[in-house]
Amino acid sequence: MSDAGLKAVFLVEQPVLLRLLTARLGNRADAEDALQDMWLKLDQTPSAAAAQPIAQPAAYLYRMAANLAADRRIAAARSGARDTAWLDIQPSAEEQPTIERALLGRERLARIEAALAAMPPRMSTALRLYRLEGIPQKQIAERLGMTVSGVEKLLRRAAKEIYVHQRSDEAELADRHRLSSEGKSHRGT
């Protein structure tokens, strides 16, 4: 049977194919989409009829519809499993940081970035490579053209500078808080 003949059988059998697909897929909208996919496959795929004629075109179309329905059900099940897995790894509302914690985290990050900016370039590079990119000290030493013990010293100094920078920022914040609370108490008396 030629391409045109198979398409003609499709058009005749379309209502029955739609009922079959609706029964297999569970709803008419999905069945209509599958029927459209069948038509496109018939329209775009060169017919095997030239090489081998189809003896029972209606049976061929029913099998094609059944296979398409099975493929769609499998794809829907995989999609559902993928969505469920995605939702399972999402943090719950209790795990989300509060606004206050998020702001404190941003402030802390800004202080660390300021400390990194104040460091000599070689020191901040070594720290970024080690802490952020996870590169071993030996490879950092090779990249920077220095010894491993030199990298270790740079990393210790960098950690110390960040610690000192954080402590000075925290002390400054505490002083501001103390001054603002003293100002409030003097105004109230």
N, C-alpha and C. Protein backbone atom coordinates (compact mmCIF):
# COMPACT_ATOMS: atom_id res chain seq x y z
N MET A 1 0.85 -1.18 0.00
CA MET A 1 0.00 0.00 0.00
C MET A 1 0.89 1.24 0.00
N SER A 2 0.52 2.23 -0.77
CA SER A 2 1.31 3.45 -0.90
C SER A 2 1.08 4.37 0.29
N ASP A 3 1.88 5.42 0.34
CA ASP A 3 1.73 6.45 1.38
C ASP A 3 0.33 7.02 1.38
N ALA A 4 -0.15 7.36 0.21
CA ALA A 4 -1.48 7.96 0.09
C ALA A 4 -2.54 6.98 0.56
N GLY A 5 -2.38 5.69 0.27
CA GLY A 5 -3.33 4.68 0.69
C GLY A 5 -3.36 4.53 2.20
N LEU A 6 -2.20 4.57 2.84
CA LEU A 6 -2.12 4.47 4.30
C LEU A 6 -2.74 5.69 4.96
N LYS A 7 -2.52 6.85 4.38
CA LYS A 7 -3.14 8.07 4.91
C LYS A 7 -4.65 8.03 4.74
N ALA A 8 -5.12 7.46 3.65
CA ALA A 8 -6.56 7.34 3.43
C ALA A 8 -7.18 6.40 4.46
N VAL A 9 -6.50 5.30 4.75
CA VAL A 9 -6.99 4.37 5.78
C VAL A 9 -6.98 5.07 7.14
N PHE A 10 -5.95 5.86 7.39
CA PHE A 10 -5.87 6.62 8.65
C PHE A 10 -7.09 7.53 8.79
N LEU A 11 -7.42 8.25 7.74
CA LEU A 11 -8.55 9.17 7.80
C LEU A 11 -9.87 8.43 8.03
N VAL A 12 -10.01 7.25 7.45
CA VAL A 12 -11.22 6.44 7.65
C VAL A 12 -11.27 5.91 9.09
N GLU A 13 -10.14 5.46 9.60
CA GLU A 13 -10.06 4.84 10.93
C GLU A 13 -9.84 5.85 12.06
N GLN A 14 -9.75 7.11 11.74
CA GLN A 14 -9.43 8.13 12.74
C GLN A 14 -10.36 8.11 13.96
N PRO A 15 -11.67 8.02 13.83
CA PRO A 15 -12.52 7.99 15.03
C PRO A 15 -12.23 6.79 15.93
N VAL A 16 -11.99 5.62 15.34
CA VAL A 16 -11.69 4.42 16.14
C VAL A 16 -10.32 4.56 16.79
N LEU A 17 -9.35 5.09 16.05
CA LEU A 17 -8.02 5.31 16.61
C LEU A 17 -8.08 6.29 17.78
N LEU A 18 -8.91 7.33 17.64
CA LEU A 18 -9.06 8.31 18.72
C LEU A 18 -9.64 7.64 19.97
N ARG A 19 -10.64 6.77 19.80
CA ARG A 19 -11.21 6.07 20.95
C ARG A 19 -10.17 5.14 21.59
N LEU A 20 -9.39 4.45 20.76
CA LEU A 20 -8.34 3.56 21.28
C LEU A 20 -7.33 4.35 22.09
N LEU A 21 -6.87 5.46 21.53
CA LEU A 21 -5.87 6.29 22.23
C LEU A 21 -6.45 6.91 23.50
N THR A 22 -7.72 7.31 23.47
CA THR A 22 -8.35 7.88 24.66
C THR A 22 -8.41 6.83 25.77
N ALA A 23 -8.75 5.61 25.41
CA ALA A 23 -8.80 4.53 26.40
C ALA A 23 -7.41 4.23 26.96
N ARG A 24 -6.40 4.26 26.11
CA ARG A 24 -5.04 3.93 26.55
C ARG A 24 -4.39 5.06 27.34
N LEU A 25 -4.66 6.30 26.96
CA LEU A 25 -3.99 7.44 27.59
C LEU A 25 -4.81 8.06 28.72
N GLY A 26 -6.09 7.82 28.76
CA GLY A 26 -6.88 8.30 29.87
C GLY A 26 -7.59 9.62 29.67
N ASN A 27 -7.24 10.37 28.65
CA ASN A 27 -7.99 11.61 28.38
C ASN A 27 -7.92 11.95 26.89
N ARG A 28 -8.93 12.69 26.47
CA ARG A 28 -9.09 12.98 25.05
C ARG A 28 -8.00 13.92 24.51
N ALA A 29 -7.58 14.89 25.33
CA ALA A 29 -6.57 15.86 24.86
C ALA A 29 -5.27 15.15 24.50
N ASP A 30 -4.82 14.24 25.37
CA ASP A 30 -3.59 13.50 25.07
C ASP A 30 -3.78 12.59 23.86
N ALA A 31 -4.98 12.02 23.75
CA ALA A 31 -5.28 11.15 22.61
C ALA A 31 -5.23 11.94 21.31
N GLU A 32 -5.78 13.14 21.30
CA GLU A 32 -5.74 13.97 20.09
C GLU A 32 -4.31 14.35 19.73
N ASP A 33 -3.49 14.65 20.76
CA ASP A 33 -2.08 14.95 20.50
C ASP A 33 -1.37 13.74 19.90
N ALA A 34 -1.65 12.57 20.43
CA ALA A 34 -1.03 11.35 19.90
C ALA A 34 -1.49 11.08 18.47
N LEU A 35 -2.76 11.32 18.21
CA LEU A 35 -3.29 11.14 16.85
C LEU A 35 -2.60 12.09 15.88
N GLN A 36 -2.38 13.31 16.32
CA GLN A 36 -1.67 14.30 15.50
C GLN A 36 -0.23 13.82 15.24
N ASP A 37 0.42 13.27 16.28
CA ASP A 37 1.77 12.74 16.10
C ASP A 37 1.77 11.59 15.08
N MET A 38 0.75 10.75 15.14
CA MET A 38 0.65 9.66 14.16
C MET A 38 0.57 10.21 12.74
N TRP A 39 -0.28 11.22 12.56
CA TRP A 39 -0.43 11.81 11.23
C TRP A 39 0.89 12.39 10.74
N LEU A 40 1.59 13.09 11.64
CA LEU A 40 2.87 13.67 11.25
C LEU A 40 3.88 12.60 10.88
N LYS A 41 3.89 11.50 11.64
CA LYS A 41 4.81 10.41 11.31
C LYS A 41 4.47 9.81 9.94
N LEU A 42 3.19 9.65 9.70
CA LEU A 42 2.78 9.11 8.40
C LEU A 42 3.14 10.07 7.27
N ASP A 43 3.02 11.36 7.55
CA ASP A 43 3.26 12.38 6.53
C ASP A 43 4.76 12.56 6.27
N GLN A 44 5.56 12.45 7.32
CA GLN A 44 6.99 12.75 7.19
C GLN A 44 7.85 11.54 6.88
N THR A 45 7.43 10.38 7.32
CA THR A 45 8.24 9.19 7.13
C THR A 45 8.00 8.62 5.75
N PRO A 46 9.07 8.43 5.00
CA PRO A 46 8.87 7.80 3.70
C PRO A 46 8.33 6.39 3.90
N SER A 47 7.40 6.02 3.09
CA SER A 47 6.71 4.75 3.27
C SER A 47 7.63 3.57 3.02
N ALA A 48 7.43 2.57 3.84
CA ALA A 48 8.12 1.31 3.62
C ALA A 48 7.40 0.53 2.52
N ALA A 49 6.28 1.10 2.06
CA ALA A 49 5.47 0.44 1.04
C ALA A 49 6.24 0.26 -0.26
N ALA A 50 7.16 1.16 -0.52
CA ALA A 50 7.94 1.03 -1.76
C ALA A 50 8.80 -0.22 -1.69
N ALA A 51 9.35 -0.51 -0.53
CA ALA A 51 10.18 -1.69 -0.38
C ALA A 51 9.34 -2.92 -0.06
N GLN A 52 8.33 -2.75 0.81
CA GLN A 52 7.51 -3.87 1.25
C GLN A 52 6.09 -3.38 1.51
N PRO A 53 5.12 -3.84 0.79
CA PRO A 53 3.75 -3.34 0.97
C PRO A 53 3.18 -3.79 2.33
N ILE A 54 2.27 -2.96 2.87
CA ILE A 54 1.61 -3.26 4.14
C ILE A 54 0.33 -4.02 3.81
N ALA A 55 0.27 -5.28 4.26
CA ALA A 55 -0.87 -6.13 3.92
C ALA A 55 -2.14 -5.71 4.62
N GLN A 56 -2.04 -5.32 5.88
CA GLN A 56 -3.21 -4.93 6.66
C GLN A 56 -2.98 -3.52 7.22
N PRO A 57 -3.31 -2.49 6.47
CA PRO A 57 -3.02 -1.13 6.89
C PRO A 57 -3.75 -0.72 8.17
N ALA A 58 -4.97 -1.16 8.38
CA ALA A 58 -5.69 -0.80 9.60
C ALA A 58 -5.00 -1.39 10.81
N ALA A 59 -4.59 -2.65 10.74
CA ALA A 59 -3.88 -3.29 11.85
C ALA A 59 -2.55 -2.58 12.11
N TYR A 60 -1.89 -2.18 11.03
CA TYR A 60 -0.64 -1.44 11.14
C TYR A 60 -0.86 -0.13 11.92
N LEU A 61 -1.94 0.58 11.59
CA LEU A 61 -2.23 1.84 12.26
C LEU A 61 -2.61 1.63 13.73
N TYR A 62 -3.37 0.55 14.01
CA TYR A 62 -3.73 0.26 15.41
C TYR A 62 -2.48 -0.07 16.23
N ARG A 63 -1.58 -0.83 15.65
CA ARG A 63 -0.34 -1.16 16.35
C ARG A 63 0.49 0.11 16.57
N MET A 64 0.53 0.96 15.57
CA MET A 64 1.25 2.23 15.67
C MET A 64 0.66 3.08 16.81
N ALA A 65 -0.68 3.12 16.89
CA ALA A 65 -1.35 3.88 17.95
C ALA A 65 -1.04 3.29 19.32
N ALA A 66 -1.09 1.96 19.43
CA ALA A 66 -0.80 1.31 20.71
C ALA A 66 0.64 1.58 21.14
N ASN A 67 1.57 1.50 20.20
CA ASN A 67 2.97 1.78 20.53
C ASN A 67 3.17 3.23 20.96
N LEU A 68 2.51 4.12 20.25
CA LEU A 68 2.61 5.54 20.59
C LEU A 68 2.03 5.81 21.99
N ALA A 69 0.91 5.18 22.31
CA ALA A 69 0.31 5.34 23.63
C ALA A 69 1.24 4.80 24.71
N ALA A 70 1.85 3.64 24.46
CA ALA A 70 2.78 3.06 25.43
C ALA A 70 3.98 3.99 25.63
N ASP A 71 4.51 4.52 24.54
CA ASP A 71 5.65 5.44 24.65
C ASP A 71 5.29 6.67 25.46
N ARG A 72 4.08 7.20 25.24
CA ARG A 72 3.66 8.39 25.98
C ARG A 72 3.46 8.09 27.47
N ARG A 73 2.91 6.92 27.80
CA ARG A 73 2.73 6.56 29.20
C ARG A 73 4.08 6.40 29.90
N ILE A 74 5.02 5.77 29.21
CA ILE A 74 6.37 5.60 29.78
C ILE A 74 7.02 6.96 29.99
N ALA A 75 6.91 7.84 29.00
CA ALA A 75 7.49 9.18 29.12
C ALA A 75 6.84 9.96 30.27
N ALA A 76 5.51 9.81 30.42
CA ALA A 76 4.82 10.51 31.51
C ALA A 76 5.26 9.97 32.87
N ALA A 77 5.45 8.64 32.96
CA ALA A 77 5.90 8.05 34.22
C ALA A 77 7.30 8.53 34.56
N ARG A 78 8.17 8.58 33.57
CA ARG A 78 9.54 9.06 33.81
C ARG A 78 9.55 10.53 34.20
N SER A 79 8.72 11.31 33.55
CA SER A 79 8.62 12.73 33.89
C SER A 79 8.12 12.91 35.31
N GLY A 80 7.10 12.13 35.68
CA GLY A 80 6.58 12.21 37.05
C GLY A 80 7.63 11.81 38.07
N ALA A 81 8.39 10.75 37.77
CA ALA A 81 9.45 10.32 38.69
C ALA A 81 10.54 11.39 38.80
N ARG A 82 10.87 12.01 37.67
CA ARG A 82 11.89 13.06 37.67
C ARG A 82 11.42 14.26 38.48
N ASP A 83 10.14 14.64 38.31
CA ASP A 83 9.59 15.77 39.06
C ASP A 83 9.54 15.46 40.55
N THR A 84 9.15 14.24 40.89
CA THR A 84 9.10 13.84 42.29
C THR A 84 10.50 13.86 42.90
N ALA A 85 11.47 13.34 42.17
CA ALA A 85 12.85 13.35 42.67
C ALA A 85 13.34 14.79 42.87
N TRP A 86 12.98 15.66 41.96
CA TRP A 86 13.37 17.07 42.07
C TRP A 86 12.75 17.70 43.31
N LEU A 87 11.47 17.44 43.52
CA LEU A 87 10.79 18.00 44.69
C LEU A 87 11.34 17.43 45.99
N ASP A 88 11.75 16.17 45.97
CA ASP A 88 12.28 15.55 47.17
C ASP A 88 13.58 16.19 47.63
N ILE A 89 14.38 16.71 46.70
CA ILE A 89 15.66 17.29 47.11
C ILE A 89 15.57 18.78 47.41
N GLN A 90 14.41 19.38 47.17
CA GLN A 90 14.23 20.80 47.46
C GLN A 90 14.12 21.00 48.97
N PRO A 91 14.72 22.07 49.47
CA PRO A 91 14.63 22.32 50.92
C PRO A 91 13.20 22.67 51.32
N SER A 92 12.83 22.22 52.50
CA SER A 92 11.49 22.53 53.01
C SER A 92 11.47 23.96 53.54
N ALA A 93 10.31 24.42 53.90
CA ALA A 93 10.17 25.79 54.41
C ALA A 93 10.99 25.97 55.68
N GLU A 94 11.06 24.93 56.51
CA GLU A 94 11.83 25.03 57.75
C GLU A 94 13.33 25.12 57.49
N GLU A 95 13.76 24.56 56.36
CA GLU A 95 15.18 24.57 56.03
C GLU A 95 15.62 25.88 55.38
N GLN A 96 14.69 26.66 54.91
CA GLN A 96 15.01 27.94 54.27
C GLN A 96 15.50 28.92 55.34
N PRO A 97 16.52 29.69 55.03
CA PRO A 97 16.99 30.66 56.01
C PRO A 97 15.97 31.79 56.20
N THR A 98 15.94 32.31 57.39
CA THR A 98 15.06 33.44 57.66
C THR A 98 15.65 34.67 56.97
N ILE A 99 14.87 35.71 56.88
CA ILE A 99 15.35 36.94 56.25
C ILE A 99 16.54 37.49 57.03
N GLU A 100 16.44 37.41 58.33
CA GLU A 100 17.54 37.92 59.17
C GLU A 100 18.83 37.14 58.91
N ARG A 101 18.72 35.79 58.85
CA ARG A 101 19.92 34.98 58.59
C ARG A 101 20.47 35.24 57.20
N ALA A 102 19.60 35.46 56.24
CA ALA A 102 20.05 35.74 54.88
C ALA A 102 20.80 37.07 54.83
N LEU A 103 20.27 38.08 55.51
CA LEU A 103 20.94 39.39 55.55
C LEU A 103 22.28 39.29 56.26
N LEU A 104 22.31 38.57 57.38
CA LEU A 104 23.58 38.40 58.10
C LEU A 104 24.59 37.66 57.23
N GLY A 105 24.12 36.66 56.49
CA GLY A 105 25.00 35.92 55.59
C GLY A 105 25.56 36.81 54.49
N ARG A 106 24.71 37.68 53.93
CA ARG A 106 25.19 38.62 52.90
C ARG A 106 26.20 39.59 53.47
N GLU A 107 25.94 40.08 54.69
CA GLU A 107 26.90 41.00 55.32
C GLU A 107 28.23 40.31 55.57
N ARG A 108 28.16 39.07 56.03
CA ARG A 108 29.40 38.32 56.29
C ARG A 108 30.16 38.09 54.99
N LEU A 109 29.45 37.75 53.93
CA LEU A 109 30.09 37.56 52.62
C LEU A 109 30.74 38.86 52.15
N ALA A 110 30.06 39.97 52.34
CA ALA A 110 30.63 41.26 51.93
C ALA A 110 31.90 41.56 52.72
N ARG A 111 31.90 41.23 54.03
CA ARG A 111 33.11 41.46 54.84
C ARG A 111 34.26 40.57 54.36
N ILE A 112 33.95 39.33 54.01
CA ILE A 112 35.00 38.43 53.53
C ILE A 112 35.52 38.90 52.18
N GLU A 113 34.62 39.36 51.31
CA GLU A 113 35.07 39.89 50.02
C GLU A 113 35.92 41.13 50.19
N ALA A 114 35.57 41.97 51.16
CA ALA A 114 36.40 43.15 51.44
C ALA A 114 37.77 42.74 51.96
N ALA A 115 37.81 41.72 52.81
CA ALA A 115 39.10 41.23 53.31
C ALA A 115 39.93 40.66 52.17
N LEU A 116 39.29 39.94 51.25
CA LEU A 116 40.02 39.40 50.10
C LEU A 116 40.55 40.52 49.21
N ALA A 117 39.76 41.55 49.04
CA ALA A 117 40.19 42.67 48.20
C ALA A 117 41.37 43.42 48.84
N ALA A 118 41.44 43.42 50.16
CA ALA A 118 42.53 44.11 50.86
C ALA A 118 43.82 43.30 50.86
N MET A 119 43.74 42.01 50.56
CA MET A 119 44.93 41.14 50.57
C MET A 119 45.79 41.38 49.34
N PRO A 120 47.08 41.04 49.45
CA PRO A 120 47.92 41.05 48.25
C PRO A 120 47.35 40.07 47.22
N PRO A 121 47.51 40.35 45.95
CA PRO A 121 46.90 39.52 44.90
C PRO A 121 47.29 38.05 44.98
N ARG A 122 48.54 37.77 45.24
CA ARG A 122 49.01 36.39 45.30
C ARG A 122 48.33 35.62 46.44
N MET A 123 48.15 36.31 47.56
CA MET A 123 47.53 35.68 48.73
C MET A 123 46.05 35.38 48.45
N SER A 124 45.34 36.36 47.90
CA SER A 124 43.91 36.13 47.63
C SER A 124 43.73 35.08 46.54
N THR A 125 44.64 35.04 45.57
CA THR A 125 44.57 34.02 44.52
C THR A 125 44.75 32.63 45.12
N ALA A 126 45.75 32.49 45.97
CA ALA A 126 46.01 31.19 46.61
C ALA A 126 44.80 30.76 47.44
N LEU A 127 44.22 31.69 48.19
CA LEU A 127 43.06 31.36 49.02
C LEU A 127 41.85 30.97 48.16
N ARG A 128 41.61 31.72 47.11
CA ARG A 128 40.47 31.39 46.23
C ARG A 128 40.66 30.03 45.57
N LEU A 129 41.87 29.77 45.08
CA LEU A 129 42.13 28.48 44.45
C LEU A 129 41.95 27.33 45.43
N TYR A 130 42.40 27.52 46.65
CA TYR A 130 42.35 26.45 47.64
C TYR A 130 40.94 26.26 48.19
N ARG A 131 40.30 27.33 48.61
CA ARG A 131 39.01 27.22 49.29
C ARG A 131 37.82 27.13 48.32
N LEU A 132 37.84 27.89 47.24
CA LEU A 132 36.69 27.91 46.35
C LEU A 132 36.76 26.85 45.26
N GLU A 133 37.95 26.67 44.69
CA GLU A 133 38.07 25.72 43.59
C GLU A 133 38.56 24.35 44.05
N GLY A 134 39.02 24.25 45.29
CA GLY A 134 39.43 22.96 45.83
C GLY A 134 40.71 22.41 45.22
N ILE A 135 41.56 23.27 44.75
CA ILE A 135 42.81 22.83 44.13
C ILE A 135 43.83 22.53 45.23
N PRO A 136 44.53 21.40 45.14
CA PRO A 136 45.53 21.05 46.16
C PRO A 136 46.66 22.07 46.22
N GLN A 137 47.26 22.16 47.39
CA GLN A 137 48.32 23.15 47.61
C GLN A 137 49.49 22.94 46.66
N LYS A 138 49.80 21.70 46.34
CA LYS A 138 50.92 21.42 45.44
C LYS A 138 50.67 22.04 44.07
N GLN A 139 49.45 21.92 43.55
CA GLN A 139 49.13 22.50 42.24
C GLN A 139 49.12 24.03 42.31
N ILE A 140 48.67 24.57 43.43
CA ILE A 140 48.69 26.04 43.60
C ILE A 140 50.12 26.52 43.58
N ALA A 141 51.01 25.79 44.27
CA ALA A 141 52.42 26.16 44.29
C ALA A 141 53.00 26.15 42.87
N GLU A 142 52.64 25.16 42.09
CA GLU A 142 53.13 25.10 40.71
C GLU A 142 52.61 26.27 39.88
N ARG A 143 51.31 26.59 40.05
CA ARG A 143 50.71 27.70 39.31
C ARG A 143 51.35 29.03 39.66
N LEU A 144 51.59 29.23 40.96
CA LEU A 144 52.12 30.52 41.41
C LEU A 144 53.63 30.58 41.38
N GLY A 145 54.28 29.47 41.05
CA GLY A 145 55.74 29.44 40.96
C GLY A 145 56.41 29.58 42.32
N MET A 146 55.92 28.85 43.30
CA MET A 146 56.48 28.91 44.64
C MET A 146 56.47 27.53 45.26
N THR A 147 56.99 27.41 46.48
CA THR A 147 57.02 26.12 47.16
C THR A 147 55.69 25.84 47.86
N VAL A 148 55.50 24.58 48.20
CA VAL A 148 54.29 24.19 48.91
C VAL A 148 54.25 24.85 50.29
N SER A 149 55.40 24.92 50.95
CA SER A 149 55.42 25.57 52.27
C SER A 149 55.11 27.06 52.13
N GLY A 150 55.52 27.68 51.03
CA GLY A 150 55.16 29.08 50.79
C GLY A 150 53.66 29.26 50.64
N VAL A 151 53.02 28.32 49.95
CA VAL A 151 51.56 28.36 49.79
C VAL A 151 50.90 28.17 51.15
N GLU A 152 51.41 27.25 51.96
CA GLU A 152 50.85 27.02 53.29
C GLU A 152 50.92 28.30 54.13
N LYS A 153 52.06 28.99 54.05
CA LYS A 153 52.21 30.25 54.80
C LYS A 153 51.23 31.31 54.29
N LEU A 154 51.09 31.39 52.96
CA LEU A 154 50.13 32.35 52.39
C LEU A 154 48.71 32.06 52.88
N LEU A 155 48.35 30.81 52.88
CA LEU A 155 47.00 30.43 53.31
C LEU A 155 46.78 30.73 54.80
N ARG A 156 47.79 30.48 55.63
CA ARG A 156 47.66 30.81 57.06
C ARG A 156 47.51 32.30 57.26
N ARG A 157 48.33 33.09 56.55
CA ARG A 157 48.23 34.54 56.67
C ARG A 157 46.88 35.04 56.16
N ALA A 158 46.38 34.45 55.07
CA ALA A 158 45.10 34.86 54.53
C ALA A 158 43.97 34.57 55.52
N ALA A 159 44.01 33.39 56.13
CA ALA A 159 42.99 33.05 57.13
C ALA A 159 43.06 34.00 58.32
N LYS A 160 44.26 34.34 58.72
CA LYS A 160 44.43 35.27 59.85
C LYS A 160 43.90 36.65 59.50
N GLU A 161 44.18 37.10 58.28
CA GLU A 161 43.69 38.43 57.87
C GLU A 161 42.16 38.46 57.81
N ILE A 162 41.56 37.40 57.32
CA ILE A 162 40.09 37.35 57.29
C ILE A 162 39.54 37.37 58.71
N TYR A 163 40.16 36.61 59.60
CA TYR A 163 39.72 36.57 60.99
C TYR A 163 39.83 37.96 61.62
N VAL A 164 40.97 38.61 61.43
CA VAL A 164 41.18 39.95 61.99
C VAL A 164 40.19 40.94 61.39
N HIS A 165 39.99 40.85 60.09
CA HIS A 165 39.06 41.75 59.41
C HIS A 165 37.64 41.56 59.94
N GLN A 166 37.23 40.31 60.14
CA GLN A 166 35.89 40.03 60.67
C GLN A 166 35.75 40.56 62.09
N ARG A 167 36.76 40.35 62.91
CA ARG A 167 36.70 40.80 64.31
C ARG A 167 36.62 42.32 64.38
N SER A 168 37.36 43.00 63.53
CA SER A 168 37.31 44.47 63.56
C SER A 168 35.93 44.96 63.09
N ASP A 169 35.35 44.29 62.09
CA ASP A 169 34.01 44.65 61.64
C ASP A 169 32.97 44.39 62.72
N GLU A 170 33.10 43.25 63.41
CA GLU A 170 32.16 42.92 64.47
C GLU A 170 32.27 43.91 65.63
N ALA A 171 33.50 44.31 65.95
CA ALA A 171 33.69 45.29 67.03
C ALA A 171 33.09 46.63 66.63
N GLU A 172 33.25 47.01 65.36
CA GLU A 172 32.68 48.27 64.87
C GLU A 172 31.15 48.22 64.94
N LEU A 173 30.57 47.09 64.54
CA LEU A 173 29.12 46.95 64.62
C LEU A 173 28.63 47.00 66.06
N ALA A 174 29.37 46.36 66.97
CA ALA A 174 28.98 46.38 68.39
C ALA A 174 29.04 47.80 68.93
N ASP A 175 30.08 48.55 68.54
CA ASP A 175 30.19 49.95 69.00
C ASP A 175 29.02 50.78 68.47
N ARG A 176 28.67 50.60 67.20
CA ARG A 176 27.54 51.34 66.64
C ARG A 176 26.24 51.00 67.36
N HIS A 177 26.06 49.72 67.65
CA HIS A 177 24.86 49.28 68.35
C HIS A 177 24.82 49.87 69.76
N ARG A 178 25.97 49.86 70.44
CA ARG A 178 26.06 50.41 71.79
C ARG A 178 25.77 51.90 71.78
N LEU A 179 26.35 52.62 70.81
CA LEU A 179 26.13 54.06 70.72
C LEU A 179 24.68 54.39 70.40
N SER A 180 24.07 53.59 69.51
CA SER A 180 22.68 53.88 69.17
C SER A 180 21.75 53.58 70.35
N SER A 181 22.05 52.54 71.11
CA SER A 181 21.19 52.24 72.26
C SER A 181 21.41 53.26 73.38
N GLU A 182 22.64 53.81 73.54
CA GLU A 182 22.88 54.86 74.54
C GLU A 182 22.15 56.14 74.14
N GLY A 183 22.14 56.43 72.84
CA GLY A 183 21.44 57.61 72.35
C GLY A 183 19.95 57.54 72.62
N LYS A 184 19.39 56.35 72.47
CA LYS A 184 17.97 56.15 72.72
C LYS A 184 17.65 56.32 74.20
N SER A 185 18.55 55.82 75.06
CA SER A 185 18.25 55.92 76.50
C SER A 185 18.39 57.36 76.98
N HIS A 186 19.30 58.15 76.40
CA HIS A 186 19.46 59.55 76.81
C HIS A 186 18.27 60.39 76.34
N ARG A 187 17.73 60.04 75.18
CA ARG A 187 16.56 60.79 74.69
C ARG A 187 15.32 60.51 75.52
N GLY A 188 15.24 59.29 76.07
CA GLY A 188 14.05 58.93 76.84
C GLY A 188 14.04 59.54 78.22
N THR A 189 15.15 60.03 78.76
CA THR A 189 15.17 60.59 80.12
C THR A 189 15.00 62.06 80.15
